[in-house]
């Protein structure tokens, strides 16, 4: 008797998440878009990058189209270094009363940082559209211009909208199958 046919063998099954099923999107947490706005405001923009990093990790776990982690890591490192440098600049201003001259390199780094952060944001947007199976003119389509101006707040709003709509449809289907009246 082989081990595969043995009644005492451990059961085997494929536990990998299926990207094309709606369960993958439920890995993304449902969180208030206003909460994203206020946490970003209170943390001086740091929560925005935390939100993007956490969503990138989740998307990479459930989606077959991965987002490279090189860009998020570069943006996070630059964000931390920039935050520390800002504290240093404020210390210089407070102790000596003079404003330090910004370097040309600092301006160039800020431009590169903004381009990388925007590229990262649009990568998240594209993966969400892929996971939603959204087409243009669809109610779940995440538009480019609104993504640019709304950032994480708009993306969280769209995730919430998709989860709410899908949950409502699943509840209606369950009630129809089980014969429960929805009056």
C-alpha atoms as a PDB file:
ATOM      1  CA  UNK A   1       0.000   0.000   0.000  1.00  0.00           C
ATOM      2  CA  UNK A   2       1.492   3.374  -0.997  1.00  0.00           C
ATOM      3  CA  UNK A   3       1.491   6.376   1.318  1.00  0.00           C
ATOM      4  CA  UNK A   4      -0.826   8.285  -1.047  1.00  0.00           C
ATOM      5  CA  UNK A   5      -3.532   5.631  -0.667  1.00  0.00           C
ATOM      6  CA  UNK A   6      -3.034   5.162   3.054  1.00  0.00           C
ATOM      7  CA  UNK A   7      -6.032   6.124   5.194  1.00  0.00           C
ATOM      8  CA  UNK A   8      -3.570   7.534   7.753  1.00  0.00           C
ATOM      9  CA  UNK A   9      -1.817   9.907   5.307  1.00  0.00           C
ATOM     10  CA  UNK A  10      -2.300  13.639   5.774  1.00  0.00           C
ATOM     11  CA  UNK A  11      -4.814  15.161   3.366  1.00  0.00           C
ATOM     12  CA  UNK A  12      -3.419  17.268   0.557  1.00  0.00           C
ATOM     13  CA  UNK A  13      -5.013  20.297  -1.016  1.00  0.00           C
ATOM     14  CA  UNK A  14      -3.979  23.428  -2.864  1.00  0.00           C
ATOM     15  CA  UNK A  15      -4.199  26.333  -0.420  1.00  0.00           C
ATOM     16  CA  UNK A  16      -2.992  29.055  -2.808  1.00  0.00           C
ATOM     17  CA  UNK A  17      -5.322  32.007  -3.213  1.00  0.00           C
ATOM     18  CA  UNK A  18      -6.997  32.340  -6.564  1.00  0.00           C
ATOM     19  CA  UNK A  19      -6.484  35.826  -7.995  1.00  0.00           C
ATOM     20  CA  UNK A  20      -9.550  35.696 -10.157  1.00  0.00           C
ATOM     21  CA  UNK A  21     -11.918  34.926  -7.318  1.00  0.00           C
ATOM     22  CA  UNK A  22     -13.354  37.724  -5.227  1.00  0.00           C
ATOM     23  CA  UNK A  23     -11.807  36.388  -1.994  1.00  0.00           C
ATOM     24  CA  UNK A  24      -8.442  37.952  -2.924  1.00  0.00           C
ATOM     25  CA  UNK A  25      -9.852  41.462  -2.633  1.00  0.00           C
ATOM     26  CA  UNK A  26     -11.140  40.754   0.882  1.00  0.00           C
ATOM     27  CA  UNK A  27      -7.532  40.559   2.054  1.00  0.00           C
ATOM     28  CA  UNK A  28      -7.431  44.351   1.655  1.00  0.00           C
ATOM     29  CA  UNK A  29      -8.781  45.894   4.848  1.00  0.00           C
ATOM     30  CA  UNK A  30     -11.946  47.939   4.717  1.00  0.00           C
ATOM     31  CA  UNK A  31     -11.030  51.246   6.342  1.00  0.00           C
ATOM     32  CA  UNK A  32     -12.688  54.629   6.226  1.00  0.00           C
ATOM     33  CA  UNK A  33     -11.406  56.950   3.500  1.00  0.00           C
ATOM     34  CA  UNK A  34     -11.851  59.822   5.965  1.00  0.00           C
ATOM     35  CA  UNK A  35      -9.687  57.857   8.396  1.00  0.00           C
ATOM     36  CA  UNK A  36      -6.957  57.652   5.764  1.00  0.00           C
ATOM     37  CA  UNK A  37      -7.199  61.419   5.252  1.00  0.00           C
ATOM     38  CA  UNK A  38      -7.058  62.314   8.944  1.00  0.00           C
ATOM     39  CA  UNK A  39      -4.283  59.828   9.793  1.00  0.00           C
ATOM     40  CA  UNK A  40      -2.250  61.194   6.884  1.00  0.00           C
ATOM     41  CA  UNK A  41      -2.856  64.715   8.168  1.00  0.00           C
ATOM     42  CA  UNK A  42      -2.009  63.915  11.797  1.00  0.00           C
ATOM     43  CA  UNK A  43       1.174  61.973  10.937  1.00  0.00           C
ATOM     44  CA  UNK A  44       2.417  64.693   8.556  1.00  0.00           C
ATOM     45  CA  UNK A  45       2.069  62.406   5.536  1.00  0.00           C
ATOM     46  CA  UNK A  46       3.817  59.355   6.968  1.00  0.00           C
ATOM     47  CA  UNK A  47       0.603  57.295   7.168  1.00  0.00           C
ATOM     48  CA  UNK A  48       0.150  57.742   3.404  1.00  0.00           C
ATOM     49  CA  UNK A  49       3.346  55.801   2.743  1.00  0.00           C
ATOM     50  CA  UNK A  50       2.486  53.225   5.404  1.00  0.00           C
ATOM     51  CA  UNK A  51      -0.912  52.736   3.722  1.00  0.00           C
ATOM     52  CA  UNK A  52       0.703  52.276   0.326  1.00  0.00           C
ATOM     53  CA  UNK A  53       3.328  49.855   1.666  1.00  0.00           C
ATOM     54  CA  UNK A  54       0.773  47.671   3.493  1.00  0.00           C
ATOM     55  CA  UNK A  55      -1.491  47.538   0.424  1.00  0.00           C
ATOM     56  CA  UNK A  56       1.482  46.636  -1.775  1.00  0.00           C
ATOM     57  CA  UNK A  57       2.378  43.719   0.487  1.00  0.00           C
ATOM     58  CA  UNK A  58      -1.217  42.463   0.476  1.00  0.00           C
ATOM     59  CA  UNK A  59      -1.595  42.872  -3.291  1.00  0.00           C
ATOM     60  CA  UNK A  60       1.646  40.963  -3.871  1.00  0.00           C
ATOM     61  CA  UNK A  61       0.333  38.158  -1.676  1.00  0.00           C
ATOM     62  CA  UNK A  62      -3.037  37.725  -3.423  1.00  0.00           C
ATOM     63  CA  UNK A  63      -2.413  38.893  -6.980  1.00  0.00           C
ATOM     64  CA  UNK A  64      -0.464  37.099  -9.680  1.00  0.00           C
ATOM     65  CA  UNK A  65       0.816  40.434 -11.059  1.00  0.00           C
ATOM     66  CA  UNK A  66       3.345  41.485  -8.426  1.00  0.00           C
ATOM     67  CA  UNK A  67       4.531  45.009  -7.677  1.00  0.00           C
ATOM     68  CA  UNK A  68       8.308  45.191  -7.413  1.00  0.00           C
ATOM     69  CA  UNK A  69       9.316  46.037  -3.853  1.00  0.00           C
ATOM     70  CA  UNK A  70      12.356  48.058  -5.003  1.00  0.00           C
ATOM     71  CA  UNK A  71      10.379  51.253  -5.555  1.00  0.00           C
ATOM     72  CA  UNK A  72       8.438  51.103  -2.246  1.00  0.00           C
ATOM     73  CA  UNK A  73      11.658  50.433  -0.347  1.00  0.00           C
ATOM     74  CA  UNK A  74      13.435  53.365  -2.042  1.00  0.00           C
ATOM     75  CA  UNK A  75      10.521  55.696  -1.336  1.00  0.00           C
ATOM     76  CA  UNK A  76      10.294  54.634   2.314  1.00  0.00           C
ATOM     77  CA  UNK A  77      14.057  55.063   2.851  1.00  0.00           C
ATOM     78  CA  UNK A  78      14.002  58.497   1.200  1.00  0.00           C
ATOM     79  CA  UNK A  79      10.952  59.481   3.257  1.00  0.00           C
ATOM     80  CA  UNK A  80      12.720  58.554   6.505  1.00  0.00           C
ATOM     81  CA  UNK A  81      15.966  60.285   5.505  1.00  0.00           C
ATOM     82  CA  UNK A  82      14.056  63.384   4.408  1.00  0.00           C
ATOM     83  CA  UNK A  83      12.113  63.448   7.684  1.00  0.00           C
ATOM     84  CA  UNK A  84      15.337  63.224   9.725  1.00  0.00           C
ATOM     85  CA  UNK A  85      16.981  65.905   7.554  1.00  0.00           C
ATOM     86  CA  UNK A  86      13.964  68.160   8.128  1.00  0.00           C
ATOM     87  CA  UNK A  87      14.363  67.768  11.886  1.00  0.00           C
ATOM     88  CA  UNK A  88      18.052  68.614  11.515  1.00  0.00           C
ATOM     89  CA  UNK A  89      17.230  71.739   9.485  1.00  0.00           C
ATOM     90  CA  UNK A  90      14.747  72.880  12.128  1.00  0.00           C
ATOM     91  CA  UNK A  91      17.391  72.307  14.816  1.00  0.00           C
ATOM     92  CA  UNK A  92      19.866  74.497  12.890  1.00  0.00           C
ATOM     93  CA  UNK A  93      17.234  77.217  12.495  1.00  0.00           C
ATOM     94  CA  UNK A  94      16.317  77.048  16.184  1.00  0.00           C
ATOM     95  CA  UNK A  95      19.875  77.073  17.529  1.00  0.00           C
ATOM     96  CA  UNK A  96      21.628  79.470  15.165  1.00  0.00           C
ATOM     97  CA  UNK A  97      18.752  81.546  13.873  1.00  0.00           C
ATOM     98  CA  UNK A  98      19.897  81.144  10.260  1.00  0.00           C
ATOM     99  CA  UNK A  99      18.157  79.258   7.507  1.00  0.00           C
ATOM    100  CA  UNK A 100      20.423  76.663   5.852  1.00  0.00           C
ATOM    101  CA  UNK A 101      20.816  76.958   2.104  1.00  0.00           C
ATOM    102  CA  UNK A 102      19.132  74.128   0.203  1.00  0.00           C
ATOM    103  CA  UNK A 103      21.393  72.204  -2.122  1.00  0.00           C
ATOM    104  CA  UNK A 104      20.657  71.525  -5.774  1.00  0.00           C
ATOM    105  CA  UNK A 105      20.996  67.826  -4.971  1.00  0.00           C
ATOM    106  CA  UNK A 106      18.150  68.153  -2.479  1.00  0.00           C
ATOM    107  CA  UNK A 107      15.835  69.558  -5.164  1.00  0.00           C
ATOM    108  CA  UNK A 108      16.790  66.836  -7.637  1.00  0.00           C
ATOM    109  CA  UNK A 109      16.218  64.160  -4.977  1.00  0.00           C
ATOM    110  CA  UNK A 110      12.774  65.571  -4.203  1.00  0.00           C
ATOM    111  CA  UNK A 111      11.795  65.432  -7.869  1.00  0.00           C
ATOM    112  CA  UNK A 112      13.011  61.830  -8.158  1.00  0.00           C
ATOM    113  CA  UNK A 113      11.150  60.993  -4.945  1.00  0.00           C
ATOM    114  CA  UNK A 114       7.882  62.463  -6.249  1.00  0.00           C
ATOM    115  CA  UNK A 115       8.199  60.595  -9.556  1.00  0.00           C
ATOM    116  CA  UNK A 116       8.882  57.282  -7.770  1.00  0.00           C
ATOM    117  CA  UNK A 117       6.019  57.803  -5.293  1.00  0.00           C
ATOM    118  CA  UNK A 118       3.612  58.605  -8.145  1.00  0.00           C
ATOM    119  CA  UNK A 119       4.793  55.584 -10.120  1.00  0.00           C
ATOM    120  CA  UNK A 120       4.243  53.411  -7.044  1.00  0.00           C
ATOM    121  CA  UNK A 121       0.738  54.848  -6.531  1.00  0.00           C
ATOM    122  CA  UNK A 122      -0.197  54.072 -10.147  1.00  0.00           C
ATOM    123  CA  UNK A 123       1.172  50.539  -9.801  1.00  0.00           C
ATOM    124  CA  UNK A 124      -1.233  49.996  -6.890  1.00  0.00           C
ATOM    125  CA  UNK A 125      -4.050  51.510  -8.939  1.00  0.00           C
ATOM    126  CA  UNK A 126      -3.340  49.226 -11.898  1.00  0.00           C
ATOM    127  CA  UNK A 127      -3.266  46.102  -9.710  1.00  0.00           C
ATOM    128  CA  UNK A 128      -6.544  47.082  -8.055  1.00  0.00           C
ATOM    129  CA  UNK A 129      -8.185  47.571 -11.459  1.00  0.00           C
ATOM    130  CA  UNK A 130      -6.846  44.149 -12.451  1.00  0.00           C
ATOM    131  CA  UNK A 131      -8.159  42.525  -9.274  1.00  0.00           C
ATOM    132  CA  UNK A 132     -11.554  44.229  -9.662  1.00  0.00           C
ATOM    133  CA  UNK A 133     -11.645  43.133 -13.321  1.00  0.00           C
ATOM    134  CA  UNK A 134     -12.729  46.722 -13.947  1.00  0.00           C
ATOM    135  CA  UNK A 135     -13.108  48.181 -17.401  1.00  0.00           C
ATOM    136  CA  UNK A 136     -13.305  51.858 -18.296  1.00  0.00           C
ATOM    137  CA  UNK A 137     -16.793  53.272 -17.695  1.00  0.00           C
ATOM    138  CA  UNK A 138     -17.306  50.538 -15.065  1.00  0.00           C
ATOM    139  CA  UNK A 139     -18.432  51.654 -11.590  1.00  0.00           C
ATOM    140  CA  UNK A 140     -15.314  50.086 -10.047  1.00  0.00           C
ATOM    141  CA  UNK A 141     -12.815  51.554 -12.524  1.00  0.00           C
ATOM    142  CA  UNK A 142     -10.174  53.611 -10.727  1.00  0.00           C
ATOM    143  CA  UNK A 143      -9.533  56.660 -12.864  1.00  0.00           C
ATOM    144  CA  UNK A 144      -6.093  58.150 -13.434  1.00  0.00           C
ATOM    145  CA  UNK A 145      -6.883  61.806 -12.781  1.00  0.00           C
ATOM    146  CA  UNK A 146      -8.797  61.092  -9.581  1.00  0.00           C
ATOM    147  CA  UNK A 147      -5.952  58.830  -8.465  1.00  0.00           C
ATOM    148  CA  UNK A 148      -3.504  61.690  -8.987  1.00  0.00           C
ATOM    149  CA  UNK A 149      -5.561  64.153  -6.946  1.00  0.00           C
ATOM    150  CA  UNK A 150      -7.178  61.748  -4.460  1.00  0.00           C
ATOM    151  CA  UNK A 151      -4.202  59.421  -3.861  1.00  0.00           C
ATOM    152  CA  UNK A 152      -4.707  56.831  -1.113  1.00  0.00           C
ATOM    153  CA  UNK A 153      -8.041  58.330  -0.041  1.00  0.00           C
ATOM    154  CA  UNK A 154      -9.578  57.669  -3.463  1.00  0.00           C
ATOM    155  CA  UNK A 155      -8.073  54.179  -3.708  1.00  0.00           C
ATOM    156  CA  UNK A 156      -9.393  53.256  -0.248  1.00  0.00           C
ATOM    157  CA  UNK A 157     -12.815  54.607  -1.212  1.00  0.00           C
ATOM    158  CA  UNK A 158     -12.848  52.381  -4.318  1.00  0.00           C
ATOM    159  CA  UNK A 159     -11.739  49.307  -2.334  1.00  0.00           C
ATOM    160  CA  UNK A 160     -14.526  49.966   0.190  1.00  0.00           C
ATOM    161  CA  UNK A 161     -17.049  50.426  -2.601  1.00  0.00           C
ATOM    162  CA  UNK A 162     -16.039  47.128  -4.228  1.00  0.00           C
ATOM    163  CA  UNK A 163     -16.130  45.195  -0.946  1.00  0.00           C
ATOM    164  CA  UNK A 164     -19.521  46.647   0.017  1.00  0.00           C
ATOM    165  CA  UNK A 165     -21.042  45.950  -3.390  1.00  0.00           C
ATOM    166  CA  UNK A 166     -19.689  42.403  -3.529  1.00  0.00           C
ATOM    167  CA  UNK A 167     -20.823  41.650   0.033  1.00  0.00           C
ATOM    168  CA  UNK A 168     -24.301  42.961  -0.712  1.00  0.00           C
ATOM    169  CA  UNK A 169     -24.567  40.812  -3.861  1.00  0.00           C
ATOM    170  CA  UNK A 170     -23.360  37.707  -1.996  1.00  0.00           C
ATOM    171  CA  UNK A 171     -25.948  38.305   0.747  1.00  0.00           C
ATOM    172  CA  UNK A 172     -28.720  38.693  -1.837  1.00  0.00           C
ATOM    173  CA  UNK A 173     -27.650  35.501  -3.622  1.00  0.00           C
ATOM    174  CA  UNK A 174     -27.557  33.609  -0.323  1.00  0.00           C
ATOM    175  CA  UNK A 175     -31.023  34.862   0.635  1.00  0.00           C
ATOM    176  CA  UNK A 176     -32.424  33.875  -2.771  1.00  0.00           C
ATOM    177  CA  UNK A 177     -30.918  30.386  -2.557  1.00  0.00           C
ATOM    178  CA  UNK A 178     -32.057  29.820   1.033  1.00  0.00           C
ATOM    179  CA  UNK A 179     -35.526  31.275   0.412  1.00  0.00           C
ATOM    180  CA  UNK A 180     -35.211  34.076   2.985  1.00  0.00           C
ATOM    181  CA  UNK A 181     -37.419  37.079   2.313  1.00  0.00           C
ATOM    182  CA  UNK A 182     -35.629  40.457   2.107  1.00  0.00           C
ATOM    183  CA  UNK A 183     -38.625  42.673   2.856  1.00  0.00           C
END
